[in-house]
PDB file of N, CA and C in Angstrom:
ATOM      1  N   UNK A   1      46.800 133.209  16.700  1.00  0.00           N
ATOM      2  CA  UNK A   1      47.348 131.913  16.356  1.00  0.00           C
ATOM      3  C   UNK A   1      48.359 132.114  15.226  1.00  0.00           C
ATOM      4  N   UNK A   2      49.591 131.715  15.453  1.00  0.00           N
ATOM      5  CA  UNK A   2      50.644 131.883  14.461  1.00  0.00           C
ATOM      6  C   UNK A   2      50.875 130.610  13.646  1.00  0.00           C
ATOM      7  N   UNK A   3      50.671 129.449  14.264  1.00  0.00           N
ATOM      8  CA  UNK A   3      50.914 128.181  13.581  1.00  0.00           C
ATOM      9  C   UNK A   3      49.712 127.264  13.761  1.00  0.00           C
ATOM     10  N   UNK A   4      49.469 126.438  12.749  1.00  0.00           N
ATOM     11  CA  UNK A   4      48.316 125.540  12.791  1.00  0.00           C
ATOM     12  C   UNK A   4      48.792 124.122  13.012  1.00  0.00           C
ATOM     13  N   UNK A   5      48.289 123.481  14.031  1.00  0.00           N
ATOM     14  CA  UNK A   5      48.563 122.072  14.257  1.00  0.00           C
ATOM     15  C   UNK A   5      49.961 121.811  14.771  1.00  0.00           C
ATOM     16  N   UNK A   6      50.231 120.549  15.081  1.00  0.00           N
ATOM     17  CA  UNK A   6      51.531 120.144  15.588  1.00  0.00           C
ATOM     18  C   UNK A   6      52.530 119.983  14.464  1.00  0.00           C
ATOM     19  N   UNK A   7      52.065 120.037  13.240  1.00  0.00           N
ATOM     20  CA  UNK A   7      52.965 119.926  12.100  1.00  0.00           C
ATOM     21  C   UNK A   7      52.594 118.754  11.214  1.00  0.00           C
ATOM     22  N   UNK A   8      52.956 118.891   9.978  1.00  0.00           N
ATOM     23  CA  UNK A   8      52.740 117.826   9.015  1.00  0.00           C
ATOM     24  C   UNK A   8      54.043 117.588   8.290  1.00  0.00           C
ATOM     25  N   UNK A   9      54.150 116.445   7.668  1.00  0.00           N
ATOM     26  CA  UNK A   9      55.334 116.183   6.870  1.00  0.00           C
ATOM     27  C   UNK A   9      55.157 116.778   5.488  1.00  0.00           C
ATOM     28  N   UNK A  10      56.211 117.393   4.978  1.00  0.00           N
ATOM     29  CA  UNK A  10      56.196 117.936   3.629  1.00  0.00           C
ATOM     30  C   UNK A  10      56.100 116.768   2.652  1.00  0.00           C
ATOM     31  N   UNK A  11      55.161 116.799   1.712  1.00  0.00           N
ATOM     32  CA  UNK A  11      55.037 115.692   0.762  1.00  0.00           C
ATOM     33  C   UNK A  11      56.202 115.624  -0.232  1.00  0.00           C
ATOM     34  N   UNK A  12      57.009 116.675  -0.304  1.00  0.00           N
ATOM     35  CA  UNK A  12      58.148 116.685  -1.226  1.00  0.00           C
ATOM     36  C   UNK A  12      59.395 116.115  -0.560  1.00  0.00           C
ATOM     37  N   UNK A  13      59.787 116.662   0.608  1.00  0.00           N
ATOM     38  CA  UNK A  13      61.025 116.210   1.255  1.00  0.00           C
ATOM     39  C   UNK A  13      60.795 115.303   2.455  1.00  0.00           C
ATOM     40  N   UNK A  14      59.554 115.250   2.968  1.00  0.00           N
ATOM     41  CA  UNK A  14      59.231 114.364   4.075  1.00  0.00           C
ATOM     42  C   UNK A  14      59.557 114.909   5.459  1.00  0.00           C
ATOM     43  N   UNK A  15      60.111 116.112   5.557  1.00  0.00           N
ATOM     44  CA  UNK A  15      60.470 116.672   6.857  1.00  0.00           C
ATOM     45  C   UNK A  15      59.298 117.431   7.465  1.00  0.00           C
ATOM     46  N   UNK A  16      59.334 117.591   8.807  1.00  0.00           N
ATOM     47  CA  UNK A  16      58.259 118.272   9.535  1.00  0.00           C
ATOM     48  C   UNK A  16      58.181 119.751   9.164  1.00  0.00           C
ATOM     49  N   UNK A  17      56.948 120.249   9.052  1.00  0.00           N
ATOM     50  CA  UNK A  17      56.712 121.667   8.800  1.00  0.00           C
ATOM     51  C   UNK A  17      55.384 122.048   9.429  1.00  0.00           C
ATOM     52  N   UNK A  18      55.141 123.328   9.580  1.00  0.00           N
ATOM     53  CA  UNK A  18      53.903 123.857  10.157  1.00  0.00           C
ATOM     54  C   UNK A  18      53.267 124.814   9.177  1.00  0.00           C
ATOM     55  N   UNK A  19      51.934 124.890   9.199  1.00  0.00           N
ATOM     56  CA  UNK A  19      51.251 125.923   8.423  1.00  0.00           C
ATOM     57  C   UNK A  19      51.413 127.238   9.171  1.00  0.00           C
ATOM     58  N   UNK A  20      51.964 128.233   8.519  1.00  0.00           N
ATOM     59  CA  UNK A  20      52.204 129.531   9.141  1.00  0.00           C
ATOM     60  C   UNK A  20      50.986 130.427   8.947  1.00  0.00           C
ATOM     61  N   UNK A  21      50.289 130.718  10.015  1.00  0.00           N
ATOM     62  CA  UNK A  21      49.081 131.526   9.943  1.00  0.00           C
ATOM     63  C   UNK A  21      49.389 132.968   9.519  1.00  0.00           C
ATOM     64  N   UNK A  22      50.628 133.395   9.654  1.00  0.00           N
ATOM     65  CA  UNK A  22      50.965 134.769   9.250  1.00  0.00           C
ATOM     66  C   UNK A  22      50.952 134.921   7.736  1.00  0.00           C
ATOM     67  N   UNK A  23      50.861 133.825   7.001  1.00  0.00           N
ATOM     68  CA  UNK A  23      50.853 133.856   5.541  1.00  0.00           C
ATOM     69  C   UNK A  23      49.438 133.740   4.975  1.00  0.00           C
ATOM     70  N   UNK A  24      48.454 134.282   5.671  1.00  0.00           N
ATOM     71  CA  UNK A  24      47.065 134.218   5.220  1.00  0.00           C
ATOM     72  C   UNK A  24      46.900 135.047   3.949  1.00  0.00           C
ATOM     73  N   UNK A  25      46.381 134.397   2.906  1.00  0.00           N
ATOM     74  CA  UNK A  25      46.128 135.048   1.619  1.00  0.00           C
ATOM     75  C   UNK A  25      44.746 135.681   1.621  1.00  0.00           C
ATOM     76  N   UNK A  26      43.756 134.943   2.116  1.00  0.00           N
ATOM     77  CA  UNK A  26      42.400 135.480   2.201  1.00  0.00           C
ATOM     78  C   UNK A  26      41.670 134.819   3.361  1.00  0.00           C
ATOM     79  N   UNK A  27      40.646 135.513   3.807  1.00  0.00           N
ATOM     80  CA  UNK A  27      39.851 135.021   4.921  1.00  0.00           C
ATOM     81  C   UNK A  27      38.384 135.315   4.630  1.00  0.00           C
ATOM     82  N   UNK A  28      37.572 134.278   4.680  1.00  0.00           N
ATOM     83  CA  UNK A  28      36.129 134.429   4.550  1.00  0.00           C
ATOM     84  C   UNK A  28      35.505 133.733   5.738  1.00  0.00           C
ATOM     85  N   UNK A  29      34.233 133.924   5.909  1.00  0.00           N
ATOM     86  CA  UNK A  29      33.555 133.322   7.052  1.00  0.00           C
ATOM     87  C   UNK A  29      33.755 131.810   7.068  1.00  0.00           C
ATOM     88  N   UNK A  30      34.457 131.322   8.071  1.00  0.00           N
ATOM     89  CA  UNK A  30      34.648 129.887   8.229  1.00  0.00           C
ATOM     90  C   UNK A  30      35.796 129.288   7.453  1.00  0.00           C
ATOM     91  N   UNK A  31      36.572 130.093   6.703  1.00  0.00           N
ATOM     92  CA  UNK A  31      37.688 129.502   5.961  1.00  0.00           C
ATOM     93  C   UNK A  31      38.836 130.497   5.770  1.00  0.00           C
ATOM     94  N   UNK A  32      40.019 129.936   5.595  1.00  0.00           N
ATOM     95  CA  UNK A  32      41.226 130.714   5.347  1.00  0.00           C
ATOM     96  C   UNK A  32      41.966 130.109   4.161  1.00  0.00           C
ATOM     97  N   UNK A  33      42.648 130.938   3.379  1.00  0.00           N
ATOM     98  CA  UNK A  33      43.572 130.452   2.370  1.00  0.00           C
ATOM     99  C   UNK A  33      44.959 130.889   2.828  1.00  0.00           C
ATOM    100  N   UNK A  34      45.880 129.919   2.945  1.00  0.00           N
ATOM    101  CA  UNK A  34      47.205 130.184   3.488  1.00  0.00           C
ATOM    102  C   UNK A  34      48.268 129.769   2.482  1.00  0.00           C
ATOM    103  N   UNK A  35      49.261 130.636   2.266  1.00  0.00           N
ATOM    104  CA  UNK A  35      50.429 130.306   1.447  1.00  0.00           C
ATOM    105  C   UNK A  35      51.520 129.852   2.401  1.00  0.00           C
ATOM    106  N   UNK A  36      52.150 128.731   2.104  1.00  0.00           N
ATOM    107  CA  UNK A  36      53.161 128.183   2.998  1.00  0.00           C
ATOM    108  C   UNK A  36      54.321 127.650   2.181  1.00  0.00           C
ATOM    109  N   UNK A  37      55.527 127.803   2.701  1.00  0.00           N
ATOM    110  CA  UNK A  37      56.724 127.287   2.040  1.00  0.00           C
ATOM    111  C   UNK A  37      57.464 126.401   3.039  1.00  0.00           C
ATOM    112  N   UNK A  38      57.861 125.201   2.602  1.00  0.00           N
ATOM    113  CA  UNK A  38      58.598 124.279   3.462  1.00  0.00           C
ATOM    114  C   UNK A  38      59.962 124.904   3.790  1.00  0.00           C
ATOM    115  N   UNK A  39      60.324 124.972   5.064  1.00  0.00           N
ATOM    116  CA  UNK A  39      61.598 125.588   5.434  1.00  0.00           C
ATOM    117  C   UNK A  39      62.807 124.726   5.049  1.00  0.00           C
ATOM    118  N   UNK A  40      62.573 123.473   4.708  1.00  0.00           N
ATOM    119  CA  UNK A  40      63.674 122.562   4.402  1.00  0.00           C
ATOM    120  C   UNK A  40      63.980 122.491   2.908  1.00  0.00           C
ATOM    121  N   UNK A  41      62.945 122.346   2.068  1.00  0.00           N
ATOM    122  CA  UNK A  41      63.177 122.169   0.627  1.00  0.00           C
ATOM    123  C   UNK A  41      62.654 123.335  -0.210  1.00  0.00           C
ATOM    124  N   UNK A  42      61.983 124.299   0.436  1.00  0.00           N
ATOM    125  CA  UNK A  42      61.441 125.499  -0.200  1.00  0.00           C
ATOM    126  C   UNK A  42      60.279 125.218  -1.159  1.00  0.00           C
ATOM    127  N   UNK A  43      59.656 124.044  -1.084  1.00  0.00           N
ATOM    128  CA  UNK A  43      58.459 123.773  -1.879  1.00  0.00           C
ATOM    129  C   UNK A  43      57.325 124.648  -1.353  1.00  0.00           C
ATOM    130  N   UNK A  44      56.507 125.176  -2.261  1.00  0.00           N
ATOM    131  CA  UNK A  44      55.426 126.082  -1.878  1.00  0.00           C
ATOM    132  C   UNK A  44      54.084 125.363  -1.954  1.00  0.00           C
ATOM    133  N   UNK A  45      53.187 125.736  -1.048  1.00  0.00           N
ATOM    134  CA  UNK A  45      51.872 125.120  -0.950  1.00  0.00           C
ATOM    135  C   UNK A  45      50.824 126.189  -0.691  1.00  0.00           C
ATOM    136  N   UNK A  46      49.615 125.945  -1.191  1.00  0.00           N
ATOM    137  CA  UNK A  46      48.463 126.755  -0.823  1.00  0.00           C
ATOM    138  C   UNK A  46      47.500 125.824  -0.098  1.00  0.00           C
ATOM    139  N   UNK A  47      47.114 126.230   1.098  1.00  0.00           N
ATOM    140  CA  UNK A  47      46.195 125.433   1.904  1.00  0.00           C
ATOM    141  C   UNK A  47      44.906 126.208   2.108  1.00  0.00           C
ATOM    142  N   UNK A  48      43.782 125.511   2.009  1.00  0.00           N
ATOM    143  CA  UNK A  48      42.488 126.085   2.356  1.00  0.00           C
ATOM    144  C   UNK A  48      42.055 125.382   3.640  1.00  0.00           C
ATOM    145  N   UNK A  49      41.834 126.164   4.668  1.00  0.00           N
ATOM    146  CA  UNK A  49      41.467 125.649   5.982  1.00  0.00           C
ATOM    147  C   UNK A  49      40.051 126.110   6.278  1.00  0.00           C
ATOM    148  N   UNK A  50      39.175 125.155   6.568  1.00  0.00           N
ATOM    149  CA  UNK A  50      37.802 125.516   6.926  1.00  0.00           C
ATOM    150  C   UNK A  50      37.376 124.697   8.131  1.00  0.00           C
ATOM    151  N   UNK A  51      36.411 125.208   8.816  1.00  0.00           N
ATOM    152  CA  UNK A  51      35.950 124.506  10.001  1.00  0.00           C
ATOM    153  C   UNK A  51      34.499 124.797  10.304  1.00  0.00           C
ATOM    154  N   UNK A  52      33.870 123.801  10.884  1.00  0.00           N
ATOM    155  CA  UNK A  52      32.497 123.957  11.351  1.00  0.00           C
ATOM    156  C   UNK A  52      32.275 122.964  12.482  1.00  0.00           C
ATOM    157  N   UNK A  53      31.229 123.171  13.237  1.00  0.00           N
ATOM    158  CA  UNK A  53      30.925 122.244  14.331  1.00  0.00           C
ATOM    159  C   UNK A  53      30.592 120.858  13.796  1.00  0.00           C
ATOM    160  N   UNK A  54      29.949 120.815  12.621  1.00  0.00           N
ATOM    161  CA  UNK A  54      29.535 119.533  12.058  1.00  0.00           C
ATOM    162  C   UNK A  54      30.711 118.740  11.487  1.00  0.00           C
ATOM    163  N   UNK A  55      31.612 119.410  10.762  1.00  0.00           N
ATOM    164  CA  UNK A  55      32.715 118.712  10.081  1.00  0.00           C
ATOM    165  C   UNK A  55      34.021 118.766  10.833  1.00  0.00           C
ATOM    166  N   UNK A  56      34.168 119.678  11.758  1.00  0.00           N
ATOM    167  CA  UNK A  56      35.442 119.873  12.426  1.00  0.00           C
ATOM    168  C   UNK A  56      36.361 120.696  11.521  1.00  0.00           C
ATOM    169  N   UNK A  57      37.663 120.544  11.704  1.00  0.00           N
ATOM    170  CA  UNK A  57      38.649 121.286  10.930  1.00  0.00           C
ATOM    171  C   UNK A  57      39.064 120.478   9.704  1.00  0.00           C
ATOM    172  N   UNK A  58      38.987 121.106   8.515  1.00  0.00           N
ATOM    173  CA  UNK A  58      39.351 120.456   7.260  1.00  0.00           C
ATOM    174  C   UNK A  58      40.443 121.293   6.597  1.00  0.00           C
ATOM    175  N   UNK A  59      41.551 120.632   6.199  1.00  0.00           N
ATOM    176  CA  UNK A  59      42.641 121.310   5.509  1.00  0.00           C
ATOM    177  C   UNK A  59      42.864 120.611   4.176  1.00  0.00           C
ATOM    178  N   UNK A  60      42.792 121.387   3.087  1.00  0.00           N
ATOM    179  CA  UNK A  60      43.081 120.878   1.748  1.00  0.00           C
ATOM    180  C   UNK A  60      44.265 121.675   1.235  1.00  0.00           C
ATOM    181  N   UNK A  61      45.326 120.972   0.860  1.00  0.00           N
ATOM    182  CA  UNK A  61      46.567 121.643   0.490  1.00  0.00           C
ATOM    183  C   UNK A  61      47.033 121.165  -0.872  1.00  0.00           C
ATOM    184  N   UNK A  62      47.599 122.087  -1.665  1.00  0.00           N
ATOM    185  CA  UNK A  62      48.102 121.721  -2.978  1.00  0.00           C
ATOM    186  C   UNK A  62      49.476 122.345  -3.197  1.00  0.00           C
ATOM    187  N   UNK A  63      50.326 121.620  -3.881  1.00  0.00           N
ATOM    188  CA  UNK A  63      51.649 122.095  -4.255  1.00  0.00           C
ATOM    189  C   UNK A  63      51.493 123.156  -5.336  1.00  0.00           C
ATOM    190  N   UNK A  64      52.292 124.213  -5.293  1.00  0.00           N
ATOM    191  CA  UNK A  64      52.180 125.290  -6.270  1.00  0.00           C
ATOM    192  C   UNK A  64      53.551 125.819  -6.645  1.00  0.00           C
ATOM    193  N   UNK A  65      53.613 126.458  -7.802  1.00  0.00           N
ATOM    194  CA  UNK A  65      54.840 127.156  -8.187  1.00  0.00           C
ATOM    195  C   UNK A  65      54.673 128.665  -8.036  1.00  0.00           C
ATOM    196  N   UNK A  66      53.568 129.099  -7.428  1.00  0.00           N
ATOM    197  CA  UNK A  66      53.323 130.516  -7.211  1.00  0.00           C
ATOM    198  C   UNK A  66      54.248 131.070  -6.130  1.00  0.00           C
ATOM    199  N   UNK A  67      54.613 132.341  -6.286  1.00  0.00           N
ATOM    200  CA  UNK A  67      55.309 133.039  -5.216  1.00  0.00           C
ATOM    201  C   UNK A  67      54.267 133.545  -4.223  1.00  0.00           C
ATOM    202  N   UNK A  68      54.724 134.031  -3.078  1.00  0.00           N
ATOM    203  CA  UNK A  68      53.793 134.574  -2.092  1.00  0.00           C
ATOM    204  C   UNK A  68      53.015 135.742  -2.686  1.00  0.00           C
ATOM    205  N   UNK A  69      53.685 136.616  -3.429  1.00  0.00           N
ATOM    206  CA  UNK A  69      53.018 137.769  -4.044  1.00  0.00           C
ATOM    207  C   UNK A  69      51.946 137.320  -5.039  1.00  0.00           C
ATOM    208  N   UNK A  70      52.241 136.317  -5.867  1.00  0.00           N
ATOM    209  CA  UNK A  70      51.254 135.811  -6.832  1.00  0.00           C
ATOM    210  C   UNK A  70      50.057 135.201  -6.108  1.00  0.00           C
ATOM    211  N   UNK A  71      50.312 134.501  -5.012  1.00  0.00           N
ATOM    212  CA  UNK A  71      49.222 133.902  -4.235  1.00  0.00           C
ATOM    213  C   UNK A  71      48.326 134.989  -3.639  1.00  0.00           C
ATOM    214  N   UNK A  72      48.918 136.116  -3.257  1.00  0.00           N
ATOM    215  CA  UNK A  72      48.136 137.220  -2.692  1.00  0.00           C
ATOM    216  C   UNK A  72      47.176 137.815  -3.720  1.00  0.00           C
ATOM    217  N   UNK A  73      47.440 137.626  -5.013  1.00  0.00           N
ATOM    218  CA  UNK A  73      46.577 138.163  -6.074  1.00  0.00           C
ATOM    219  C   UNK A  73      45.390 137.253  -6.395  1.00  0.00           C
ATOM    220  N   UNK A  74      45.382 136.024  -5.907  1.00  0.00           N
ATOM    221  CA  UNK A  74      44.307 135.072  -6.215  1.00  0.00           C
ATOM    222  C   UNK A  74      42.921 135.603  -5.840  1.00  0.00           C
ATOM    223  N   UNK A  75      42.715 136.137  -4.636  1.00  0.00           N
ATOM    224  CA  UNK A  75      41.355 136.588  -4.278  1.00  0.00           C
ATOM    225  C   UNK A  75      40.822 137.724  -5.152  1.00  0.00           C
ATOM    226  N   UNK A  76      41.697 138.501  -5.798  1.00  0.00           N
ATOM    227  CA  UNK A  76      41.247 139.608  -6.627  1.00  0.00           C
ATOM    228  C   UNK A  76      40.877 139.180  -8.038  1.00  0.00           C
ATOM    229  N   UNK A  77      41.231 137.983  -8.432  1.00  0.00           N
ATOM    230  CA  UNK A  77      40.931 137.515  -9.793  1.00  0.00           C
ATOM    231  C   UNK A  77      39.473 137.107  -9.894  1.00  0.00           C
ATOM    232  N   UNK A  78      38.917 137.293 -11.086  1.00  0.00           N
ATOM    233  CA  UNK A  78      37.527 136.900 -11.298  1.00  0.00           C
ATOM    234  C   UNK A  78      37.447 135.389 -11.511  1.00  0.00           C
ATOM    235  N   UNK A  79      36.291 134.852 -11.220  1.00  0.00           N
ATOM    236  CA  UNK A  79      36.072 133.413 -11.360  1.00  0.00           C
ATOM    237  C   UNK A  79      36.102 133.011 -12.832  1.00  0.00           C
ATOM    238  N   UNK A  80      36.557 131.804 -13.088  1.00  0.00           N
ATOM    239  CA  UNK A  80      36.585 131.256 -14.444  1.00  0.00           C
ATOM    240  C   UNK A  80      35.161 130.857 -14.829  1.00  0.00           C
ATOM    241  N   UNK A  81      34.713 131.350 -15.975  1.00  0.00           N
ATOM    242  CA  UNK A  81      33.348 131.057 -16.407  1.00  0.00           C
ATOM    243  C   UNK A  81      33.330 129.858 -17.355  1.00  0.00           C
ATOM    244  N   UNK A  82      32.159 129.282 -17.534  1.00  0.00           N
ATOM    245  CA  UNK A  82      32.005 128.157 -18.464  1.00  0.00           C
ATOM    246  C   UNK A  82      32.334 128.593 -19.888  1.00  0.00           C
ATOM    247  N   UNK A  83      31.956 129.810 -20.258  1.00  0.00           N
ATOM    248  CA  UNK A  83      32.266 130.319 -21.597  1.00  0.00           C
ATOM    249  C   UNK A  83      33.773 130.412 -21.832  1.00  0.00           C
ATOM    250  N   UNK A  84      34.508 130.837 -20.815  1.00  0.00           N
ATOM    251  CA  UNK A  84      35.962 130.936 -20.948  1.00  0.00           C
ATOM    252  C   UNK A  84      36.579 129.556 -21.146  1.00  0.00           C
ATOM    253  N   UNK A  85      36.084 128.570 -20.421  1.00  0.00           N
ATOM    254  CA  UNK A  85      36.590 127.196 -20.579  1.00  0.00           C
ATOM    255  C   UNK A  85      36.293 126.685 -21.986  1.00  0.00           C
ATOM    256  N   UNK A  86      35.090 126.931 -22.481  1.00  0.00           N
ATOM    257  CA  UNK A  86      34.735 126.510 -23.843  1.00  0.00           C
ATOM    258  C   UNK A  86      35.590 127.215 -24.890  1.00  0.00           C
ATOM    259  N   UNK A  87      35.875 128.484 -24.694  1.00  0.00           N
ATOM    260  CA  UNK A  87      36.735 129.229 -25.606  1.00  0.00           C
ATOM    261  C   UNK A  87      38.129 128.614 -25.659  1.00  0.00           C
ATOM    262  N   UNK A  88      38.674 128.281 -24.506  1.00  0.00           N
ATOM    263  CA  UNK A  88      39.997 127.648 -24.445  1.00  0.00           C
ATOM    264  C   UNK A  88      39.962 126.295 -25.143  1.00  0.00           C
ATOM    265  N   UNK A  89      38.923 125.517 -24.876  1.00  0.00           N
ATOM    266  CA  UNK A  89      38.788 124.190 -25.489  1.00  0.00           C
ATOM    267  C   UNK A  89      38.711 124.299 -27.020  1.00  0.00           C
ATOM    268  N   UNK A  90      37.932 125.241 -27.504  1.00  0.00           N
ATOM    269  CA  UNK A  90      37.770 125.405 -28.946  1.00  0.00           C
ATOM    270  C   UNK A  90      39.053 125.903 -29.611  1.00  0.00           C
ATOM    271  N   UNK A  91      39.850 126.672 -28.915  1.00  0.00           N
ATOM    272  CA  UNK A  91      41.099 127.159 -29.490  1.00  0.00           C
ATOM    273  C   UNK A  91      42.160 126.068 -29.568  1.00  0.00           C
ATOM    274  N   UNK A  92      41.998 125.032 -28.773  1.00  0.00           N
ATOM    275  CA  UNK A  92      42.951 123.896 -28.819  1.00  0.00           C
ATOM    276  C   UNK A  92      42.573 123.005 -29.963  1.00  0.00           C
TER     277      UNK A  92
END
């Protein structure tokens, strides 16, 4: 599968676009993380696609300023801990 769905409108420019499956950042059981760029306005998005028999197909997408290379590094980063959040809060 190279493209997902019949297409969605870009929330930035409003033109039709498709999620490109060739831009998969990570894959885990039942879900994919995909980096996508609108071919019309070049806005970048990260989509998490998951599916199950109970819920069907769910796509959650967010606008990002990450490049494709930066998005590829996301799965290798460690999770943010509660202590790290508290440290940041206390430093502010």
